[in-house]
Amino acid sequence: MLEVTVTESSPASTLLTVSGELAGSGAERLLARLDRLLDQGHRYVVLDLSGVSFCDSSGISALVRGHARASAAAGGLRLSAASDQVVRILELSGLARMLGLKSTVEI
């Protein structure tokens, strides 16, 4: 099961801590949370992926769709602190570069 928690929020950006498996229904849960934040006026979201143990194609899709929705709302989505396994998937998919993957959490 995937857990998504707002850890920190400022006028500039919102930090979401994500833990568990970013796959299947977990990917949809993340996307729904991003949608709610964007609807509430949060434009820049940073995802702390340090607690994500697994990411599959549905997780990649959720990140791409979240990025597109944030960009459409004149904002952005960034990724940080992913495990080695998740970093590899993000690099292979091109998302690490597209979303500006950082090794540490920075909001």
N, C-alpha and C. Protein backbone atom coordinates (compact mmCIF):
# COMPACT_ATOMS: atom_id res chain seq x y z
N MET A 1 0.83 -1.18 0.00
CA MET A 1 0.00 0.00 0.00
C MET A 1 0.88 1.24 0.00
N LEU A 2 0.47 2.24 -0.75
CA LEU A 2 1.22 3.49 -0.85
C LEU A 2 0.63 4.52 0.11
N GLU A 3 1.49 5.20 0.84
CA GLU A 3 1.07 6.30 1.71
C GLU A 3 1.64 7.59 1.16
N VAL A 4 0.80 8.62 1.13
CA VAL A 4 1.21 9.94 0.65
C VAL A 4 0.83 10.95 1.72
N THR A 5 1.84 11.67 2.24
CA THR A 5 1.63 12.60 3.33
C THR A 5 2.21 13.96 2.99
N VAL A 6 1.45 15.02 3.23
CA VAL A 6 1.99 16.37 3.10
C VAL A 6 2.89 16.59 4.31
N THR A 7 4.19 16.70 4.06
CA THR A 7 5.16 16.84 5.13
C THR A 7 5.45 18.30 5.45
N GLU A 8 5.47 19.11 4.41
CA GLU A 8 5.80 20.52 4.59
C GLU A 8 5.15 21.31 3.47
N SER A 9 4.68 22.49 3.80
CA SER A 9 4.07 23.33 2.78
C SER A 9 4.46 24.78 3.03
N SER A 10 4.81 25.45 1.97
CA SER A 10 5.15 26.87 2.04
C SER A 10 4.48 27.55 0.85
N PRO A 11 4.51 28.87 0.80
CA PRO A 11 3.93 29.53 -0.37
C PRO A 11 4.62 29.12 -1.67
N ALA A 12 5.88 28.73 -1.58
CA ALA A 12 6.64 28.38 -2.79
C ALA A 12 6.39 26.96 -3.26
N SER A 13 6.31 26.00 -2.33
CA SER A 13 6.13 24.61 -2.75
C SER A 13 5.61 23.74 -1.60
N THR A 14 5.18 22.56 -1.99
CA THR A 14 4.64 21.59 -1.04
C THR A 14 5.44 20.30 -1.16
N LEU A 15 5.82 19.76 -0.01
CA LEU A 15 6.58 18.51 0.02
C LEU A 15 5.64 17.37 0.37
N LEU A 16 5.60 16.36 -0.50
CA LEU A 16 4.84 15.14 -0.25
C LEU A 16 5.82 14.01 0.01
N THR A 17 5.65 13.33 1.13
CA THR A 17 6.45 12.15 1.43
C THR A 17 5.66 10.94 0.97
N VAL A 18 6.28 10.14 0.12
CA VAL A 18 5.63 8.98 -0.48
C VAL A 18 6.35 7.73 0.02
N SER A 19 5.58 6.74 0.50
CA SER A 19 6.20 5.50 0.96
C SER A 19 5.34 4.31 0.57
N GLY A 20 6.02 3.21 0.27
CA GLY A 20 5.35 1.99 -0.17
C GLY A 20 5.65 1.71 -1.62
N GLU A 21 4.73 1.03 -2.29
CA GLU A 21 4.92 0.66 -3.69
C GLU A 21 4.15 1.61 -4.60
N LEU A 22 4.87 2.23 -5.52
CA LEU A 22 4.27 3.13 -6.49
C LEU A 22 3.87 2.29 -7.70
N ALA A 23 2.75 1.61 -7.53
CA ALA A 23 2.27 0.67 -8.55
C ALA A 23 0.76 0.52 -8.39
N GLY A 24 0.07 0.22 -9.48
CA GLY A 24 -1.36 -0.07 -9.44
C GLY A 24 -2.17 1.01 -8.74
N SER A 25 -2.93 0.59 -7.73
CA SER A 25 -3.80 1.53 -7.02
C SER A 25 -3.00 2.59 -6.27
N GLY A 26 -1.78 2.28 -5.89
CA GLY A 26 -0.92 3.27 -5.24
C GLY A 26 -0.60 4.43 -6.17
N ALA A 27 -0.36 4.12 -7.43
CA ALA A 27 -0.08 5.16 -8.42
C ALA A 27 -1.31 6.06 -8.57
N GLU A 28 -2.49 5.47 -8.60
CA GLU A 28 -3.72 6.27 -8.70
C GLU A 28 -3.92 7.11 -7.44
N ARG A 29 -3.56 6.57 -6.28
CA ARG A 29 -3.68 7.32 -5.02
C ARG A 29 -2.78 8.55 -5.06
N LEU A 30 -1.55 8.39 -5.55
CA LEU A 30 -0.64 9.52 -5.65
C LEU A 30 -1.19 10.57 -6.61
N LEU A 31 -1.67 10.15 -7.75
CA LEU A 31 -2.21 11.09 -8.73
C LEU A 31 -3.42 11.83 -8.17
N ALA A 32 -4.29 11.15 -7.45
CA ALA A 32 -5.45 11.79 -6.85
C ALA A 32 -5.02 12.84 -5.83
N ARG A 33 -3.98 12.53 -5.05
CA ARG A 33 -3.49 13.50 -4.06
C ARG A 33 -2.89 14.71 -4.74
N LEU A 34 -2.14 14.50 -5.81
CA LEU A 34 -1.59 15.62 -6.58
C LEU A 34 -2.71 16.49 -7.14
N ASP A 35 -3.74 15.85 -7.68
CA ASP A 35 -4.88 16.59 -8.21
C ASP A 35 -5.52 17.48 -7.15
N ARG A 36 -5.72 16.93 -5.95
CA ARG A 36 -6.34 17.71 -4.86
C ARG A 36 -5.46 18.91 -4.50
N LEU A 37 -4.15 18.68 -4.41
CA LEU A 37 -3.25 19.79 -4.08
C LEU A 37 -3.30 20.88 -5.14
N LEU A 38 -3.27 20.48 -6.40
CA LEU A 38 -3.33 21.47 -7.48
C LEU A 38 -4.66 22.22 -7.47
N ASP A 39 -5.74 21.51 -7.20
CA ASP A 39 -7.05 22.15 -7.10
C ASP A 39 -7.11 23.14 -5.95
N GLN A 40 -6.33 22.90 -4.90
CA GLN A 40 -6.29 23.79 -3.74
C GLN A 40 -5.33 24.96 -3.93
N GLY A 41 -4.68 25.04 -5.08
CA GLY A 41 -3.81 26.16 -5.37
C GLY A 41 -2.32 25.91 -5.17
N HIS A 42 -1.94 24.72 -4.76
CA HIS A 42 -0.52 24.38 -4.64
C HIS A 42 0.00 24.17 -6.06
N ARG A 43 1.01 24.89 -6.46
CA ARG A 43 1.49 24.80 -7.84
C ARG A 43 2.78 24.01 -7.98
N TYR A 44 3.65 24.10 -7.01
CA TYR A 44 4.93 23.40 -7.08
C TYR A 44 4.99 22.32 -6.01
N VAL A 45 5.15 21.09 -6.45
CA VAL A 45 5.14 19.95 -5.54
C VAL A 45 6.45 19.19 -5.68
N VAL A 46 7.05 18.85 -4.53
CA VAL A 46 8.25 18.04 -4.47
C VAL A 46 7.86 16.71 -3.85
N LEU A 47 8.21 15.61 -4.52
CA LEU A 47 7.93 14.28 -4.00
C LEU A 47 9.19 13.70 -3.37
N ASP A 48 9.12 13.40 -2.08
CA ASP A 48 10.19 12.70 -1.38
C ASP A 48 9.94 11.22 -1.59
N LEU A 49 10.74 10.58 -2.43
CA LEU A 49 10.55 9.18 -2.78
C LEU A 49 11.42 8.23 -1.97
N SER A 50 12.01 8.71 -0.89
CA SER A 50 12.94 7.87 -0.12
C SER A 50 12.26 6.63 0.45
N GLY A 51 10.97 6.66 0.66
CA GLY A 51 10.26 5.52 1.21
C GLY A 51 9.62 4.62 0.17
N VAL A 52 9.84 4.91 -1.11
CA VAL A 52 9.25 4.10 -2.18
C VAL A 52 10.15 2.89 -2.44
N SER A 53 9.58 1.70 -2.27
CA SER A 53 10.36 0.48 -2.42
C SER A 53 10.29 -0.12 -3.82
N PHE A 54 9.29 0.29 -4.59
CA PHE A 54 9.06 -0.31 -5.92
C PHE A 54 8.27 0.67 -6.77
N CYS A 55 8.60 0.72 -8.05
CA CYS A 55 7.87 1.56 -8.99
C CYS A 55 7.74 0.80 -10.30
N ASP A 56 6.51 0.68 -10.81
CA ASP A 56 6.30 0.00 -12.09
C ASP A 56 5.80 1.01 -13.12
N SER A 57 5.32 0.52 -14.26
CA SER A 57 4.90 1.40 -15.34
C SER A 57 3.71 2.28 -14.94
N SER A 58 2.83 1.79 -14.06
CA SER A 58 1.72 2.63 -13.63
C SER A 58 2.23 3.77 -12.74
N GLY A 59 3.29 3.53 -11.99
CA GLY A 59 3.92 4.59 -11.21
C GLY A 59 4.57 5.63 -12.10
N ILE A 60 5.27 5.17 -13.12
CA ILE A 60 5.87 6.09 -14.09
C ILE A 60 4.78 6.92 -14.76
N SER A 61 3.70 6.27 -15.15
CA SER A 61 2.58 6.97 -15.78
C SER A 61 1.99 8.03 -14.85
N ALA A 62 1.83 7.70 -13.57
CA ALA A 62 1.30 8.67 -12.61
C ALA A 62 2.22 9.87 -12.47
N LEU A 63 3.52 9.65 -12.48
CA LEU A 63 4.47 10.77 -12.39
C LEU A 63 4.41 11.65 -13.63
N VAL A 64 4.30 11.03 -14.80
CA VAL A 64 4.19 11.80 -16.05
C VAL A 64 2.90 12.61 -16.05
N ARG A 65 1.79 11.97 -15.68
CA ARG A 65 0.50 12.67 -15.66
C ARG A 65 0.49 13.77 -14.61
N GLY A 66 1.10 13.51 -13.45
CA GLY A 66 1.18 14.53 -12.41
C GLY A 66 1.99 15.72 -12.87
N HIS A 67 3.10 15.45 -13.55
CA HIS A 67 3.93 16.52 -14.11
C HIS A 67 3.13 17.35 -15.12
N ALA A 68 2.39 16.67 -15.99
CA ALA A 68 1.59 17.37 -17.00
C ALA A 68 0.52 18.24 -16.34
N ARG A 69 -0.13 17.73 -15.33
CA ARG A 69 -1.18 18.49 -14.65
C ARG A 69 -0.60 19.69 -13.91
N ALA A 70 0.54 19.50 -13.26
CA ALA A 70 1.18 20.63 -12.56
C ALA A 70 1.63 21.68 -13.56
N SER A 71 2.19 21.26 -14.68
CA SER A 71 2.63 22.21 -15.72
C SER A 71 1.43 22.97 -16.29
N ALA A 72 0.32 22.29 -16.49
CA ALA A 72 -0.89 22.94 -17.01
C ALA A 72 -1.43 23.97 -16.02
N ALA A 73 -1.13 23.79 -14.74
CA ALA A 73 -1.58 24.72 -13.71
C ALA A 73 -0.50 25.78 -13.44
N ALA A 74 0.42 25.94 -14.38
CA ALA A 74 1.52 26.91 -14.27
C ALA A 74 2.41 26.61 -13.07
N GLY A 75 2.63 25.32 -12.82
CA GLY A 75 3.48 24.91 -11.70
C GLY A 75 4.49 23.88 -12.14
N GLY A 76 4.86 23.00 -11.23
CA GLY A 76 5.84 21.98 -11.56
C GLY A 76 5.86 20.87 -10.54
N LEU A 77 6.45 19.77 -10.93
CA LEU A 77 6.61 18.60 -10.08
C LEU A 77 8.08 18.20 -10.11
N ARG A 78 8.68 18.01 -8.91
CA ARG A 78 10.07 17.58 -8.82
C ARG A 78 10.16 16.33 -7.96
N LEU A 79 11.19 15.55 -8.19
CA LEU A 79 11.40 14.30 -7.46
C LEU A 79 12.67 14.41 -6.64
N SER A 80 12.68 13.75 -5.48
CA SER A 80 13.89 13.78 -4.65
C SER A 80 14.05 12.50 -3.84
N ALA A 81 15.29 12.22 -3.48
CA ALA A 81 15.69 11.19 -2.52
C ALA A 81 15.17 9.79 -2.83
N ALA A 82 15.20 9.39 -4.08
CA ALA A 82 14.74 8.05 -4.44
C ALA A 82 15.79 7.00 -4.12
N SER A 83 15.33 5.78 -3.86
CA SER A 83 16.25 4.66 -3.62
C SER A 83 16.98 4.32 -4.92
N ASP A 84 18.05 3.55 -4.83
CA ASP A 84 18.82 3.17 -6.02
C ASP A 84 17.94 2.47 -7.06
N GLN A 85 17.07 1.57 -6.61
CA GLN A 85 16.19 0.83 -7.53
C GLN A 85 15.25 1.78 -8.26
N VAL A 86 14.67 2.72 -7.54
CA VAL A 86 13.74 3.67 -8.15
C VAL A 86 14.49 4.65 -9.04
N VAL A 87 15.68 5.07 -8.62
CA VAL A 87 16.49 5.97 -9.45
C VAL A 87 16.76 5.32 -10.81
N ARG A 88 17.10 4.05 -10.79
CA ARG A 88 17.38 3.35 -12.06
C ARG A 88 16.16 3.39 -12.99
N ILE A 89 14.99 3.13 -12.47
CA ILE A 89 13.77 3.17 -13.28
C ILE A 89 13.52 4.58 -13.80
N LEU A 90 13.71 5.57 -12.94
CA LEU A 90 13.49 6.96 -13.36
C LEU A 90 14.50 7.39 -14.42
N GLU A 91 15.74 6.93 -14.30
CA GLU A 91 16.75 7.25 -15.31
C GLU A 91 16.44 6.57 -16.63
N LEU A 92 16.06 5.28 -16.59
CA LEU A 92 15.74 4.55 -17.81
C LEU A 92 14.54 5.16 -18.54
N SER A 93 13.59 5.66 -17.78
CA SER A 93 12.38 6.24 -18.39
C SER A 93 12.59 7.68 -18.85
N GLY A 94 13.67 8.32 -18.43
CA GLY A 94 13.92 9.72 -18.78
C GLY A 94 13.30 10.70 -17.79
N LEU A 95 12.59 10.19 -16.80
CA LEU A 95 11.94 11.09 -15.83
C LEU A 95 12.93 11.75 -14.89
N ALA A 96 14.04 11.11 -14.59
CA ALA A 96 15.02 11.71 -13.69
C ALA A 96 15.47 13.06 -14.22
N ARG A 97 15.74 13.13 -15.49
CA ARG A 97 16.17 14.39 -16.09
C ARG A 97 15.00 15.35 -16.29
N MET A 98 13.88 14.82 -16.79
CA MET A 98 12.72 15.67 -17.07
C MET A 98 12.18 16.34 -15.81
N LEU A 99 12.16 15.61 -14.69
CA LEU A 99 11.59 16.15 -13.46
C LEU A 99 12.64 16.65 -12.47
N GLY A 100 13.88 16.64 -12.87
CA GLY A 100 14.93 17.19 -12.02
C GLY A 100 15.13 16.42 -10.74
N LEU A 101 15.37 15.11 -10.84
CA LEU A 101 15.58 14.27 -9.66
C LEU A 101 16.79 14.76 -8.87
N LYS A 102 16.56 15.02 -7.58
CA LYS A 102 17.62 15.44 -6.65
C LYS A 102 17.91 14.30 -5.70
N SER A 103 19.15 14.19 -5.25
CA SER A 103 19.51 13.11 -4.33
C SER A 103 19.05 13.39 -2.90
N THR A 104 18.79 14.65 -2.58
CA THR A 104 18.30 15.02 -1.25
C THR A 104 16.97 15.76 -1.39
N VAL A 105 16.26 15.86 -0.29
CA VAL A 105 14.97 16.54 -0.30
C VAL A 105 15.20 18.03 -0.17
N GLU A 106 14.72 18.77 -1.15
CA GLU A 106 14.81 20.23 -1.15
C GLU A 106 13.49 20.80 -1.61
N ILE A 107 12.87 21.62 -0.76
CA ILE A 107 11.64 22.24 -1.24
C ILE A 107 11.85 23.71 -1.55
